């Protein structure tokens, strides 16, 4: 018996803790890292997650006496260049001499095929 409810691959739901949209198959919210459901299976039963993309960087504003504002936008397009999603994930201000670090990652989670997990 599967611990994952039947449904299509890519089905989403809302995290009850942080209200982020997450995959219905997720056991832990990737945003707030709270548990979403108890998995009866062992860690060995869970599919391996791999980081397909990771970008880290730092921004700063070095002009004396001048602050600046910033906006962090994430955009996703399919192979045809069509926008799937675009979202502002953060905004803020940088005083002179201050630096902020950012990290962006995309994790792939293989989905085991089975009669209850096939795409409709």
PDB file of N, CA and C in Angstrom:
ATOM      1  N   UNK A   1       0.845  -1.186   0.000  1.00  0.00           N
ATOM      2  CA  UNK A   1       0.000   0.000   0.000  1.00  0.00           C
ATOM      3  C   UNK A   1       0.882   1.239   0.000  1.00  0.00           C
ATOM      4  N   UNK A   2       0.531   2.201  -0.808  1.00  0.00           N
ATOM      5  CA  UNK A   2       1.318   3.415  -0.942  1.00  0.00           C
ATOM      6  C   UNK A   2       0.928   4.448   0.101  1.00  0.00           C
ATOM      7  N   UNK A   3       1.940   5.166   0.661  1.00  0.00           N
ATOM      8  CA  UNK A   3       1.678   6.236   1.619  1.00  0.00           C
ATOM      9  C   UNK A   3       1.216   7.503   0.907  1.00  0.00           C
ATOM     10  N   UNK A   4       1.416   7.546  -0.411  1.00  0.00           N
ATOM     11  CA  UNK A   4       1.044   8.715  -1.201  1.00  0.00           C
ATOM     12  C   UNK A   4      -0.374   8.513  -1.718  1.00  0.00           C
ATOM     13  N   UNK A   5      -1.208   9.534  -1.588  1.00  0.00           N
ATOM     14  CA  UNK A   5      -2.567   9.457  -2.094  1.00  0.00           C
ATOM     15  C   UNK A   5      -2.566   9.384  -3.613  1.00  0.00           C
ATOM     16  N   UNK A   6      -3.544   8.679  -4.186  1.00  0.00           N
ATOM     17  CA  UNK A   6      -3.614   8.607  -5.644  1.00  0.00           C
ATOM     18  C   UNK A   6      -3.772   9.997  -6.248  1.00  0.00           C
ATOM     19  N   UNK A   7      -3.210  10.172  -7.436  1.00  0.00           N
ATOM     20  CA  UNK A   7      -3.329  11.455  -8.119  1.00  0.00           C
ATOM     21  C   UNK A   7      -2.339  11.545  -9.256  1.00  0.00           C
ATOM     22  N   UNK A   8      -2.426  12.613  -9.990  1.00  0.00           N
ATOM     23  CA  UNK A   8      -1.536  12.832 -11.119  1.00  0.00           C
ATOM     24  C   UNK A   8      -0.183  13.341 -10.642  1.00  0.00           C
ATOM     25  N   UNK A   9       0.830  13.046 -11.419  1.00  0.00           N
ATOM     26  CA  UNK A   9       2.162  13.571 -11.142  1.00  0.00           C
ATOM     27  C   UNK A   9       2.098  15.085 -11.268  1.00  0.00           C
ATOM     28  N   UNK A  10       2.667  15.780 -10.303  1.00  0.00           N
ATOM     29  CA  UNK A  10       2.666  17.241 -10.327  1.00  0.00           C
ATOM     30  C   UNK A  10       1.491  17.873  -9.602  1.00  0.00           C
ATOM     31  N   UNK A  11       0.624  17.073  -9.009  1.00  0.00           N
ATOM     32  CA  UNK A  11      -0.503  17.603  -8.255  1.00  0.00           C
ATOM     33  C   UNK A  11       0.038  18.399  -7.065  1.00  0.00           C
ATOM     34  N   UNK A  12      -0.602  19.527  -6.779  1.00  0.00           N
ATOM     35  CA  UNK A  12      -0.132  20.391  -5.693  1.00  0.00           C
ATOM     36  C   UNK A  12      -1.171  20.535  -4.597  1.00  0.00           C
ATOM     37  N   UNK A  13      -0.708  21.069  -3.482  1.00  0.00           N
ATOM     38  CA  UNK A  13      -1.582  21.425  -2.362  1.00  0.00           C
ATOM     39  C   UNK A  13      -0.928  22.579  -1.620  1.00  0.00           C
ATOM     40  N   UNK A  14      -1.615  23.115  -0.646  1.00  0.00           N
ATOM     41  CA  UNK A  14      -1.106  24.244   0.113  1.00  0.00           C
ATOM     42  C   UNK A  14      -0.566  23.747   1.446  1.00  0.00           C
ATOM     43  N   UNK A  15       0.644  24.190   1.805  1.00  0.00           N
ATOM     44  CA  UNK A  15       1.219  23.844   3.107  1.00  0.00           C
ATOM     45  C   UNK A  15       0.375  24.515   4.185  1.00  0.00           C
ATOM     46  N   UNK A  16      -0.087  23.755   5.179  1.00  0.00           N
ATOM     47  CA  UNK A  16      -0.907  24.363   6.230  1.00  0.00           C
ATOM     48  C   UNK A  16      -0.116  25.291   7.150  1.00  0.00           C
ATOM     49  N   UNK A  17       1.201  25.206   7.104  1.00  0.00           N
ATOM     50  CA  UNK A  17       2.046  26.026   7.988  1.00  0.00           C
ATOM     51  C   UNK A  17       2.388  27.376   7.376  1.00  0.00           C
ATOM     52  N   UNK A  18       2.925  27.360   6.142  1.00  0.00           N
ATOM     53  CA  UNK A  18       3.410  28.607   5.529  1.00  0.00           C
ATOM     54  C   UNK A  18       2.571  29.050   4.337  1.00  0.00           C
ATOM     55  N   UNK A  19       1.592  28.235   3.953  1.00  0.00           N
ATOM     56  CA  UNK A  19       0.681  28.534   2.846  1.00  0.00           C
ATOM     57  C   UNK A  19       1.338  28.519   1.473  1.00  0.00           C
ATOM     58  N   UNK A  20       2.533  27.959   1.352  1.00  0.00           N
ATOM     59  CA  UNK A  20       3.201  27.826   0.058  1.00  0.00           C
ATOM     60  C   UNK A  20       2.547  26.695  -0.733  1.00  0.00           C
ATOM     61  N   UNK A  21       2.582  26.780  -2.049  1.00  0.00           N
ATOM     62  CA  UNK A  21       2.111  25.694  -2.903  1.00  0.00           C
ATOM     63  C   UNK A  21       3.228  24.667  -3.000  1.00  0.00           C
ATOM     64  N   UNK A  22       2.923  23.418  -2.630  1.00  0.00           N
ATOM     65  CA  UNK A  22       3.920  22.346  -2.628  1.00  0.00           C
ATOM     66  C   UNK A  22       3.360  21.150  -3.383  1.00  0.00           C
ATOM     67  N   UNK A  23       4.232  20.230  -3.761  1.00  0.00           N
ATOM     68  CA  UNK A  23       3.785  18.993  -4.393  1.00  0.00           C
ATOM     69  C   UNK A  23       2.980  18.168  -3.399  1.00  0.00           C
ATOM     70  N   UNK A  24       1.896  17.577  -3.861  1.00  0.00           N
ATOM     71  CA  UNK A  24       1.063  16.746  -2.993  1.00  0.00           C
ATOM     72  C   UNK A  24       1.839  15.541  -2.468  1.00  0.00           C
ATOM     73  N   UNK A  25       2.857  15.105  -3.189  1.00  0.00           N
ATOM     74  CA  UNK A  25       3.652  13.949  -2.776  1.00  0.00           C
ATOM     75  C   UNK A  25       4.688  14.284  -1.697  1.00  0.00           C
ATOM     76  N   UNK A  26       4.879  15.566  -1.399  1.00  0.00           N
ATOM     77  CA  UNK A  26       5.910  15.977  -0.438  1.00  0.00           C
ATOM     78  C   UNK A  26       5.538  15.591   0.989  1.00  0.00           C
ATOM     79  N   UNK A  27       6.504  15.076   1.715  1.00  0.00           N
ATOM     80  CA  UNK A  27       6.320  14.769   3.125  1.00  0.00           C
ATOM     81  C   UNK A  27       6.729  15.935   4.004  1.00  0.00           C
ATOM     82  N   UNK A  28       7.656  16.748   3.478  1.00  0.00           N
ATOM     83  CA  UNK A  28       8.159  17.921   4.202  1.00  0.00           C
ATOM     84  C   UNK A  28       8.064  19.117   3.261  1.00  0.00           C
ATOM     85  N   UNK A  29       7.567  20.244   3.769  1.00  0.00           N
ATOM     86  CA  UNK A  29       7.468  21.452   2.952  1.00  0.00           C
ATOM     87  C   UNK A  29       8.870  21.958   2.638  1.00  0.00           C
ATOM     88  N   UNK A  30       9.197  22.197   1.364  1.00  0.00           N
ATOM     89  CA  UNK A  30      10.531  22.691   1.032  1.00  0.00           C
ATOM     90  C   UNK A  30      10.748  24.135   1.471  1.00  0.00           C
ATOM     91  N   UNK A  31       9.669  24.866   1.753  1.00  0.00           N
ATOM     92  CA  UNK A  31       9.792  26.251   2.187  1.00  0.00           C
ATOM     93  C   UNK A  31      10.042  26.379   3.679  1.00  0.00           C
ATOM     94  N   UNK A  32       9.099  25.900   4.486  1.00  0.00           N
ATOM     95  CA  UNK A  32       9.210  26.066   5.944  1.00  0.00           C
ATOM     96  C   UNK A  32       9.797  24.834   6.633  1.00  0.00           C
ATOM     97  N   UNK A  33       9.938  23.748   5.895  1.00  0.00           N
ATOM     98  CA  UNK A  33      10.514  22.487   6.375  1.00  0.00           C
ATOM     99  C   UNK A  33       9.703  21.815   7.491  1.00  0.00           C
ATOM    100  N   UNK A  34       8.423  22.154   7.603  1.00  0.00           N
ATOM    101  CA  UNK A  34       7.544  21.448   8.537  1.00  0.00           C
ATOM    102  C   UNK A  34       7.082  20.143   7.894  1.00  0.00           C
ATOM    103  N   UNK A  35       6.764  19.162   8.737  1.00  0.00           N
ATOM    104  CA  UNK A  35       6.251  17.888   8.247  1.00  0.00           C
ATOM    105  C   UNK A  35       4.821  18.081   7.761  1.00  0.00           C
ATOM    106  N   UNK A  36       4.521  17.509   6.600  1.00  0.00           N
ATOM    107  CA  UNK A  36       3.190  17.606   6.020  1.00  0.00           C
ATOM    108  C   UNK A  36       2.374  16.346   6.252  1.00  0.00           C
ATOM    109  N   UNK A  37       3.048  15.236   6.374  1.00  0.00           N
ATOM    110  CA  UNK A  37       2.375  13.972   6.670  1.00  0.00           C
ATOM    111  C   UNK A  37       3.416  12.984   7.170  1.00  0.00           C
ATOM    112  N   UNK A  38       2.946  11.976   7.862  1.00  0.00           N
ATOM    113  CA  UNK A  38       3.809  10.920   8.360  1.00  0.00           C
ATOM    114  C   UNK A  38       3.950   9.866   7.289  1.00  0.00           C
ATOM    115  N   UNK A  39       5.180   9.506   6.959  1.00  0.00           N
ATOM    116  CA  UNK A  39       5.437   8.423   6.009  1.00  0.00           C
ATOM    117  C   UNK A  39       5.705   7.152   6.785  1.00  0.00           C
ATOM    118  N   UNK A  40       4.916   6.147   6.523  1.00  0.00           N
ATOM    119  CA  UNK A  40       5.094   4.867   7.207  1.00  0.00           C
ATOM    120  C   UNK A  40       6.313   4.114   6.697  1.00  0.00           C
ATOM    121  N   UNK A  41       6.759   4.433   5.478  1.00  0.00           N
ATOM    122  CA  UNK A  41       7.909   3.752   4.892  1.00  0.00           C
ATOM    123  C   UNK A  41       9.207   4.178   5.542  1.00  0.00           C
ATOM    124  N   UNK A  42      10.266   3.464   5.218  1.00  0.00           N
ATOM    125  CA  UNK A  42      11.575   3.801   5.755  1.00  0.00           C
ATOM    126  C   UNK A  42      12.285   4.761   4.817  1.00  0.00           C
ATOM    127  N   UNK A  43      13.365   5.313   5.267  1.00  0.00           N
ATOM    128  CA  UNK A  43      14.152   6.220   4.432  1.00  0.00           C
ATOM    129  C   UNK A  43      14.663   5.507   3.186  1.00  0.00           C
ATOM    130  N   UNK A  44      14.901   4.221   3.294  1.00  0.00           N
ATOM    131  CA  UNK A  44      15.382   3.448   2.147  1.00  0.00           C
ATOM    132  C   UNK A  44      14.302   3.336   1.065  1.00  0.00           C
ATOM    133  N   UNK A  45      13.022   3.443   1.471  1.00  0.00           N
ATOM    134  CA  UNK A  45      11.916   3.368   0.514  1.00  0.00           C
ATOM    135  C   UNK A  45      11.733   4.666  -0.264  1.00  0.00           C
ATOM    136  N   UNK A  46      12.233   5.767   0.269  1.00  0.00           N
ATOM    137  CA  UNK A  46      12.033   7.071  -0.366  1.00  0.00           C
ATOM    138  C   UNK A  46      12.932   7.204  -1.583  1.00  0.00           C
ATOM    139  N   UNK A  47      12.378   7.774  -2.672  1.00  0.00           N
ATOM    140  CA  UNK A  47      13.214   7.982  -3.850  1.00  0.00           C
ATOM    141  C   UNK A  47      14.289   9.020  -3.559  1.00  0.00           C
ATOM    142  N   UNK A  48      15.444   8.841  -4.163  1.00  0.00           N
ATOM    143  CA  UNK A  48      16.553   9.765  -3.945  1.00  0.00           C
ATOM    144  C   UNK A  48      16.247  11.097  -4.618  1.00  0.00           C
ATOM    145  N   UNK A  49      16.514  12.179  -3.906  1.00  0.00           N
ATOM    146  CA  UNK A  49      16.352  13.520  -4.455  1.00  0.00           C
ATOM    147  C   UNK A  49      17.720  13.987  -4.902  1.00  0.00           C
ATOM    148  N   UNK A  50      17.758  14.646  -6.061  1.00  0.00           N
ATOM    149  CA  UNK A  50      19.034  15.185  -6.495  1.00  0.00           C
ATOM    150  C   UNK A  50      18.849  16.635  -6.884  1.00  0.00           C
ATOM    151  N   UNK A  51      19.868  17.416  -6.623  1.00  0.00           N
ATOM    152  CA  UNK A  51      19.848  18.816  -6.982  1.00  0.00           C
ATOM    153  C   UNK A  51      20.316  18.949  -8.420  1.00  0.00           C
ATOM    154  N   UNK A  52      19.396  19.361  -9.293  1.00  0.00           N
ATOM    155  CA  UNK A  52      19.696  19.484 -10.711  1.00  0.00           C
ATOM    156  C   UNK A  52      20.344  20.825 -11.027  1.00  0.00           C
ATOM    157  N   UNK A  53      20.071  21.832 -10.204  1.00  0.00           N
ATOM    158  CA  UNK A  53      20.605  23.169 -10.436  1.00  0.00           C
ATOM    159  C   UNK A  53      20.738  23.880  -9.103  1.00  0.00           C
ATOM    160  N   UNK A  54      21.865  24.550  -8.909  1.00  0.00           N
ATOM    161  CA  UNK A  54      22.061  25.338  -7.703  1.00  0.00           C
ATOM    162  C   UNK A  54      22.884  26.570  -8.072  1.00  0.00           C
ATOM    163  N   UNK A  55      22.361  27.733  -7.707  1.00  0.00           N
ATOM    164  CA  UNK A  55      23.042  28.990  -7.964  1.00  0.00           C
ATOM    165  C   UNK A  55      23.144  29.749  -6.648  1.00  0.00           C
ATOM    166  N   UNK A  56      24.325  30.220  -6.345  1.00  0.00           N
ATOM    167  CA  UNK A  56      24.525  31.036  -5.156  1.00  0.00           C
ATOM    168  C   UNK A  56      25.232  32.315  -5.559  1.00  0.00           C
ATOM    169  N   UNK A  57      24.878  33.398  -4.915  1.00  0.00           N
ATOM    170  CA  UNK A  57      25.518  34.664  -5.243  1.00  0.00           C
ATOM    171  C   UNK A  57      25.290  35.701  -4.161  1.00  0.00           C
ATOM    172  N   UNK A  58      26.016  36.770  -4.269  1.00  0.00           N
ATOM    173  CA  UNK A  58      25.929  37.872  -3.315  1.00  0.00           C
ATOM    174  C   UNK A  58      25.787  39.169  -4.095  1.00  0.00           C
ATOM    175  N   UNK A  59      24.913  40.054  -3.604  1.00  0.00           N
ATOM    176  CA  UNK A  59      24.802  41.378  -4.210  1.00  0.00           C
ATOM    177  C   UNK A  59      25.167  42.416  -3.159  1.00  0.00           C
ATOM    178  N   UNK A  60      25.629  43.531  -3.624  1.00  0.00           N
ATOM    179  CA  UNK A  60      25.977  44.627  -2.733  1.00  0.00           C
ATOM    180  C   UNK A  60      25.854  45.942  -3.458  1.00  0.00           C
ATOM    181  N   UNK A  61      25.768  47.000  -2.681  1.00  0.00           N
ATOM    182  CA  UNK A  61      25.682  48.339  -3.251  1.00  0.00           C
ATOM    183  C   UNK A  61      26.768  49.176  -2.585  1.00  0.00           C
ATOM    184  N   UNK A  62      27.760  49.560  -3.353  1.00  0.00           N
ATOM    185  CA  UNK A  62      28.941  50.205  -2.792  1.00  0.00           C
ATOM    186  C   UNK A  62      29.000  51.714  -2.993  1.00  0.00           C
ATOM    187  N   UNK A  63      27.941  52.309  -3.523  1.00  0.00           N
ATOM    188  CA  UNK A  63      27.947  53.757  -3.740  1.00  0.00           C
ATOM    189  C   UNK A  63      27.696  54.441  -2.395  1.00  0.00           C
ATOM    190  N   UNK A  64      28.651  55.224  -1.932  1.00  0.00           N
ATOM    191  CA  UNK A  64      28.562  55.887  -0.628  1.00  0.00           C
ATOM    192  C   UNK A  64      27.363  56.829  -0.582  1.00  0.00           C
ATOM    193  N   UNK A  65      26.621  56.747   0.508  1.00  0.00           N
ATOM    194  CA  UNK A  65      25.507  57.647   0.738  1.00  0.00           C
ATOM    195  C   UNK A  65      24.271  57.356  -0.096  1.00  0.00           C
ATOM    196  N   UNK A  66      24.247  56.234  -0.798  1.00  0.00           N
ATOM    197  CA  UNK A  66      23.098  55.910  -1.652  1.00  0.00           C
ATOM    198  C   UNK A  66      22.603  54.505  -1.360  1.00  0.00           C
ATOM    199  N   UNK A  67      21.328  54.365  -1.073  1.00  0.00           N
ATOM    200  CA  UNK A  67      20.710  53.057  -0.889  1.00  0.00           C
ATOM    201  C   UNK A  67      20.082  52.621  -2.206  1.00  0.00           C
ATOM    202  N   UNK A  68      19.759  51.356  -2.328  1.00  0.00           N
ATOM    203  CA  UNK A  68      19.034  50.873  -3.506  1.00  0.00           C
ATOM    204  C   UNK A  68      18.030  49.817  -3.076  1.00  0.00           C
ATOM    205  N   UNK A  69      17.043  49.603  -3.918  1.00  0.00           N
ATOM    206  CA  UNK A  69      16.033  48.577  -3.674  1.00  0.00           C
ATOM    207  C   UNK A  69      16.285  47.406  -4.629  1.00  0.00           C
ATOM    208  N   UNK A  70      15.783  46.223  -4.253  1.00  0.00           N
ATOM    209  CA  UNK A  70      15.926  45.060  -5.127  1.00  0.00           C
ATOM    210  C   UNK A  70      14.638  44.244  -5.135  1.00  0.00           C
ATOM    211  N   UNK A  71      14.494  43.445  -6.173  1.00  0.00           N
ATOM    212  CA  UNK A  71      13.347  42.570  -6.341  1.00  0.00           C
ATOM    213  C   UNK A  71      13.873  41.229  -6.855  1.00  0.00           C
ATOM    214  N   UNK A  72      13.535  40.141  -6.197  1.00  0.00           N
ATOM    215  CA  UNK A  72      13.970  38.806  -6.604  1.00  0.00           C
ATOM    216  C   UNK A  72      12.799  38.137  -7.332  1.00  0.00           C
ATOM    217  N   UNK A  73      13.011  37.778  -8.601  1.00  0.00           N
ATOM    218  CA  UNK A  73      11.967  37.189  -9.430  1.00  0.00           C
ATOM    219  C   UNK A  73      12.442  35.813  -9.912  1.00  0.00           C
ATOM    220  N   UNK A  74      11.563  34.818  -9.824  1.00  0.00           N
ATOM    221  CA  UNK A  74      11.833  33.489 -10.368  1.00  0.00           C
ATOM    222  C   UNK A  74      10.869  33.268 -11.519  1.00  0.00           C
ATOM    223  N   UNK A  75      11.395  32.855 -12.658  1.00  0.00           N
ATOM    224  CA  UNK A  75      10.587  32.627 -13.846  1.00  0.00           C
ATOM    225  C   UNK A  75      10.877  31.220 -14.363  1.00  0.00           C
ATOM    226  N   UNK A  76       9.818  30.498 -14.734  1.00  0.00           N
ATOM    227  CA  UNK A  76       9.954  29.139 -15.266  1.00  0.00           C
ATOM    228  C   UNK A  76       9.314  29.107 -16.649  1.00  0.00           C
ATOM    229  N   UNK A  77      10.053  28.592 -17.639  1.00  0.00           N
ATOM    230  CA  UNK A  77       9.537  28.448 -19.007  1.00  0.00           C
ATOM    231  C   UNK A  77       9.689  26.995 -19.443  1.00  0.00           C
ATOM    232  N   UNK A  78       8.801  26.554 -20.329  1.00  0.00           N
ATOM    233  CA  UNK A  78       8.930  25.194 -20.843  1.00  0.00           C
ATOM    234  C   UNK A  78       9.905  25.177 -22.015  1.00  0.00           C
ATOM    235  N   UNK A  79      10.078  24.028 -22.649  1.00  0.00           N
ATOM    236  CA  UNK A  79      11.057  23.879 -23.732  1.00  0.00           C
ATOM    237  C   UNK A  79      10.719  24.704 -24.963  1.00  0.00           C
ATOM    238  N   UNK A  80       9.476  25.204 -25.045  1.00  0.00           N
ATOM    239  CA  UNK A  80       9.066  26.026 -26.179  1.00  0.00           C
ATOM    240  C   UNK A  80       9.181  27.516 -25.871  1.00  0.00           C
ATOM    241  N   UNK A  81       9.697  27.849 -24.701  1.00  0.00           N
ATOM    242  CA  UNK A  81       9.845  29.243 -24.315  1.00  0.00           C
ATOM    243  C   UNK A  81       8.587  29.875 -23.741  1.00  0.00           C
ATOM    244  N   UNK A  82       7.548  29.069 -23.526  1.00  0.00           N
ATOM    245  CA  UNK A  82       6.302  29.579 -22.960  1.00  0.00           C
ATOM    246  C   UNK A  82       6.422  29.665 -21.440  1.00  0.00           C
ATOM    247  N   UNK A  83       6.007  30.793 -20.876  1.00  0.00           N
ATOM    248  CA  UNK A  83       6.074  30.984 -19.426  1.00  0.00           C
ATOM    249  C   UNK A  83       5.101  30.049 -18.724  1.00  0.00           C
ATOM    250  N   UNK A  84       5.606  29.303 -17.763  1.00  0.00           N
ATOM    251  CA  UNK A  84       4.781  28.437 -16.935  1.00  0.00           C
ATOM    252  C   UNK A  84       4.433  29.169 -15.645  1.00  0.00           C
ATOM    253  N   UNK A  85       5.419  29.860 -15.090  1.00  0.00           N
ATOM    254  CA  UNK A  85       5.211  30.595 -13.845  1.00  0.00           C
ATOM    255  C   UNK A  85       6.220  31.725 -13.738  1.00  0.00           C
ATOM    256  N   UNK A  86       5.812  32.788 -13.072  1.00  0.00           N
ATOM    257  CA  UNK A  86       6.697  33.910 -12.775  1.00  0.00           C
ATOM    258  C   UNK A  86       6.228  34.463 -11.447  1.00  0.00           C
ATOM    259  N   UNK A  87       7.135  34.544 -10.497  1.00  0.00           N
ATOM    260  CA  UNK A  87       6.744  34.972  -9.164  1.00  0.00           C
ATOM    261  C   UNK A  87       7.827  35.812  -8.512  1.00  0.00           C
ATOM    262  N   UNK A  88       7.402  36.868  -7.839  1.00  0.00           N
ATOM    263  CA  UNK A  88       8.302  37.666  -7.022  1.00  0.00           C
ATOM    264  C   UNK A  88       8.431  36.932  -5.691  1.00  0.00           C
ATOM    265  N   UNK A  89       9.655  36.573  -5.326  1.00  0.00           N
ATOM    266  CA  UNK A  89       9.864  35.818  -4.093  1.00  0.00           C
ATOM    267  C   UNK A  89      10.445  36.668  -2.967  1.00  0.00           C
ATOM    268  N   UNK A  90      10.831  37.878  -3.285  1.00  0.00           N
ATOM    269  CA  UNK A  90      11.339  38.751  -2.227  1.00  0.00           C
ATOM    270  C   UNK A  90      11.683  40.128  -2.754  1.00  0.00           C
ATOM    271  N   UNK A  91      11.528  41.120  -1.897  1.00  0.00           N
ATOM    272  CA  UNK A  91      11.917  42.499  -2.207  1.00  0.00           C
ATOM    273  C   UNK A  91      12.599  43.067  -0.969  1.00  0.00           C
ATOM    274  N   UNK A  92      13.352  44.130  -1.153  1.00  0.00           N
ATOM    275  CA  UNK A  92      14.013  44.740  -0.009  1.00  0.00           C
ATOM    276  C   UNK A  92      14.850  45.922  -0.420  1.00  0.00           C
ATOM    277  N   UNK A  93      15.656  46.383   0.517  1.00  0.00           N
ATOM    278  CA  UNK A  93      16.532  47.517   0.277  1.00  0.00           C
ATOM    279  C   UNK A  93      17.930  47.188   0.771  1.00  0.00           C
ATOM    280  N   UNK A  94      18.905  47.771   0.113  1.00  0.00           N
ATOM    281  CA  UNK A  94      20.308  47.606   0.497  1.00  0.00           C
ATOM    282  C   UNK A  94      20.894  48.976   0.838  1.00  0.00           C
ATOM    283  N   UNK A  95      21.272  49.170   2.096  1.00  0.00           N
ATOM    284  CA  UNK A  95      22.002  50.390   2.443  1.00  0.00           C
ATOM    285  C   UNK A  95      23.418  50.315   1.873  1.00  0.00           C
ATOM    286  N   UNK A  96      24.099  51.425   1.730  1.00  0.00           N
ATOM    287  CA  UNK A  96      25.469  51.401   1.209  1.00  0.00           C
ATOM    288  C   UNK A  96      26.366  50.482   2.049  1.00  0.00           C
ATOM    289  N   UNK A  97      27.160  49.677   1.360  1.00  0.00           N
ATOM    290  CA  UNK A  97      28.112  48.796   2.039  1.00  0.00           C
ATOM    291  C   UNK A  97      27.530  47.483   2.532  1.00  0.00           C
ATOM    292  N   UNK A  98      26.218  47.295   2.488  1.00  0.00           N
ATOM    293  CA  UNK A  98      25.600  46.051   2.957  1.00  0.00           C
ATOM    294  C   UNK A  98      25.533  45.047   1.819  1.00  0.00           C
ATOM    295  N   UNK A  99      25.637  43.768   2.161  1.00  0.00           N
ATOM    296  CA  UNK A  99      25.583  42.689   1.182  1.00  0.00           C
ATOM    297  C   UNK A  99      24.509  41.682   1.599  1.00  0.00           C
ATOM    298  N   UNK A 100      23.842  41.119   0.613  1.00  0.00           N
ATOM    299  CA  UNK A 100      22.876  40.043   0.838  1.00  0.00           C
ATOM    300  C   UNK A 100      23.292  38.856  -0.022  1.00  0.00           C
ATOM    301  N   UNK A 101      23.176  37.667   0.541  1.00  0.00           N
ATOM    302  CA  UNK A 101      23.493  36.439  -0.193  1.00  0.00           C
ATOM    303  C   UNK A 101      22.203  35.730  -0.574  1.00  0.00           C
ATOM    304  N   UNK A 102      22.217  35.085  -1.739  1.00  0.00           N
ATOM    305  CA  UNK A 102      21.050  34.397  -2.259  1.00  0.00           C
ATOM    306  C   UNK A 102      21.453  32.999  -2.708  1.00  0.00           C
ATOM    307  N   UNK A 103      20.493  32.087  -2.603  1.00  0.00           N
ATOM    308  CA  UNK A 103      20.694  30.722  -3.051  1.00  0.00           C
ATOM    309  C   UNK A 103      19.414  30.268  -3.752  1.00  0.00           C
ATOM    310  N   UNK A 104      19.573  29.645  -4.907  1.00  0.00           N
ATOM    311  CA  UNK A 104      18.451  29.132  -5.678  1.00  0.00           C
ATOM    312  C   UNK A 104      18.770  27.699  -6.053  1.00  0.00           C
ATOM    313  N   UNK A 105      17.819  26.792  -5.848  1.00  0.00           N
ATOM    314  CA  UNK A 105      18.080  25.412  -6.239  1.00  0.00           C
ATOM    315  C   UNK A 105      16.816  24.778  -6.806  1.00  0.00           C
ATOM    316  N   UNK A 106      17.030  23.809  -7.677  1.00  0.00           N
ATOM    317  CA  UNK A 106      15.950  23.012  -8.246  1.00  0.00           C
ATOM    318  C   UNK A 106      16.263  21.567  -7.908  1.00  0.00           C
ATOM    319  N   UNK A 107      15.343  20.916  -7.195  1.00  0.00           N
ATOM    320  CA  UNK A 107      15.542  19.525  -6.803  1.00  0.00           C
ATOM    321  C   UNK A 107      14.601  18.635  -7.596  1.00  0.00           C
ATOM    322  N   UNK A 108      15.136  17.520  -8.072  1.00  0.00           N
ATOM    323  CA  UNK A 108      14.344  16.533  -8.804  1.00  0.00           C
ATOM    324  C   UNK A 108      14.043  15.365  -7.891  1.00  0.00           C
ATOM    325  N   UNK A 109      12.779  14.951  -7.862  1.00  0.00           N
ATOM    326  CA  UNK A 109      12.343  13.826  -7.054  1.00  0.00           C
ATOM    327  C   UNK A 109      11.683  12.812  -7.962  1.00  0.00           C
ATOM    328  N   UNK A 110      12.375  11.718  -8.276  1.00  0.00           N
ATOM    329  CA  UNK A 110      11.769  10.708  -9.158  1.00  0.00           C
ATOM    330  C   UNK A 110      10.467  10.186  -8.561  1.00  0.00           C
ATOM    331  N   UNK A 111       9.496   9.931  -9.426  1.00  0.00           N
ATOM    332  CA  UNK A 111       8.210   9.408  -8.997  1.00  0.00           C
ATOM    333  C   UNK A 111       8.136   7.956  -9.433  1.00  0.00           C
ATOM    334  N   UNK A 112       7.888   7.104  -8.486  1.00  0.00           N
ATOM    335  CA  UNK A 112       7.744   5.689  -8.814  1.00  0.00           C
ATOM    336  C   UNK A 112       6.467   5.486  -9.591  1.00  0.00           C
ATOM    337  N   UNK A 113       6.571   4.746 -10.687  1.00  0.00           N
ATOM    338  CA  UNK A 113       5.375   4.489 -11.471  1.00  0.00           C
ATOM    339  C   UNK A 113       4.549   3.419 -10.779  1.00  0.00           C
ATOM    340  N   UNK A 114       3.287   3.512 -10.936  1.00  0.00           N
ATOM    341  CA  UNK A 114       2.350   2.560 -10.356  1.00  0.00           C
ATOM    342  C   UNK A 114       0.977   2.896 -10.849  1.00  0.00           C
ATOM    343  N   UNK A 115       0.018   2.034 -10.630  1.00  0.00           N
ATOM    344  CA  UNK A 115      -1.317   2.264 -11.161  1.00  0.00           C
ATOM    345  C   UNK A 115      -1.969   3.530 -10.607  1.00  0.00           C
ATOM    346  N   UNK A 116      -1.625   3.920  -9.375  1.00  0.00           N
ATOM    347  CA  UNK A 116      -2.261   5.091  -8.785  1.00  0.00           C
ATOM    348  C   UNK A 116      -1.479   6.373  -9.018  1.00  0.00           C
ATOM    349  N   UNK A 117      -0.334   6.334  -9.724  1.00  0.00           N
ATOM    350  CA  UNK A 117       0.493   7.514  -9.927  1.00  0.00           C
ATOM    351  C   UNK A 117       0.652   7.885 -11.396  1.00  0.00           C
ATOM    352  N   UNK A 118      -0.112   7.252 -12.264  1.00  0.00           N
ATOM    353  CA  UNK A 118       0.022   7.561 -13.687  1.00  0.00           C
ATOM    354  C   UNK A 118      -0.677   8.862 -14.021  1.00  0.00           C
ATOM    355  N   UNK A 119      -0.109   9.538 -14.996  1.00  0.00           N
ATOM    356  CA  UNK A 119      -0.706  10.784 -15.454  1.00  0.00           C
ATOM    357  C   UNK A 119      -1.993  10.473 -16.210  1.00  0.00           C
ATOM    358  N   UNK A 120      -3.032  11.209 -15.898  1.00  0.00           N
ATOM    359  CA  UNK A 120      -4.332  10.956 -16.520  1.00  0.00           C
ATOM    360  C   UNK A 120      -4.365  11.387 -17.965  1.00  0.00           C
TER     361      UNK A 120
END
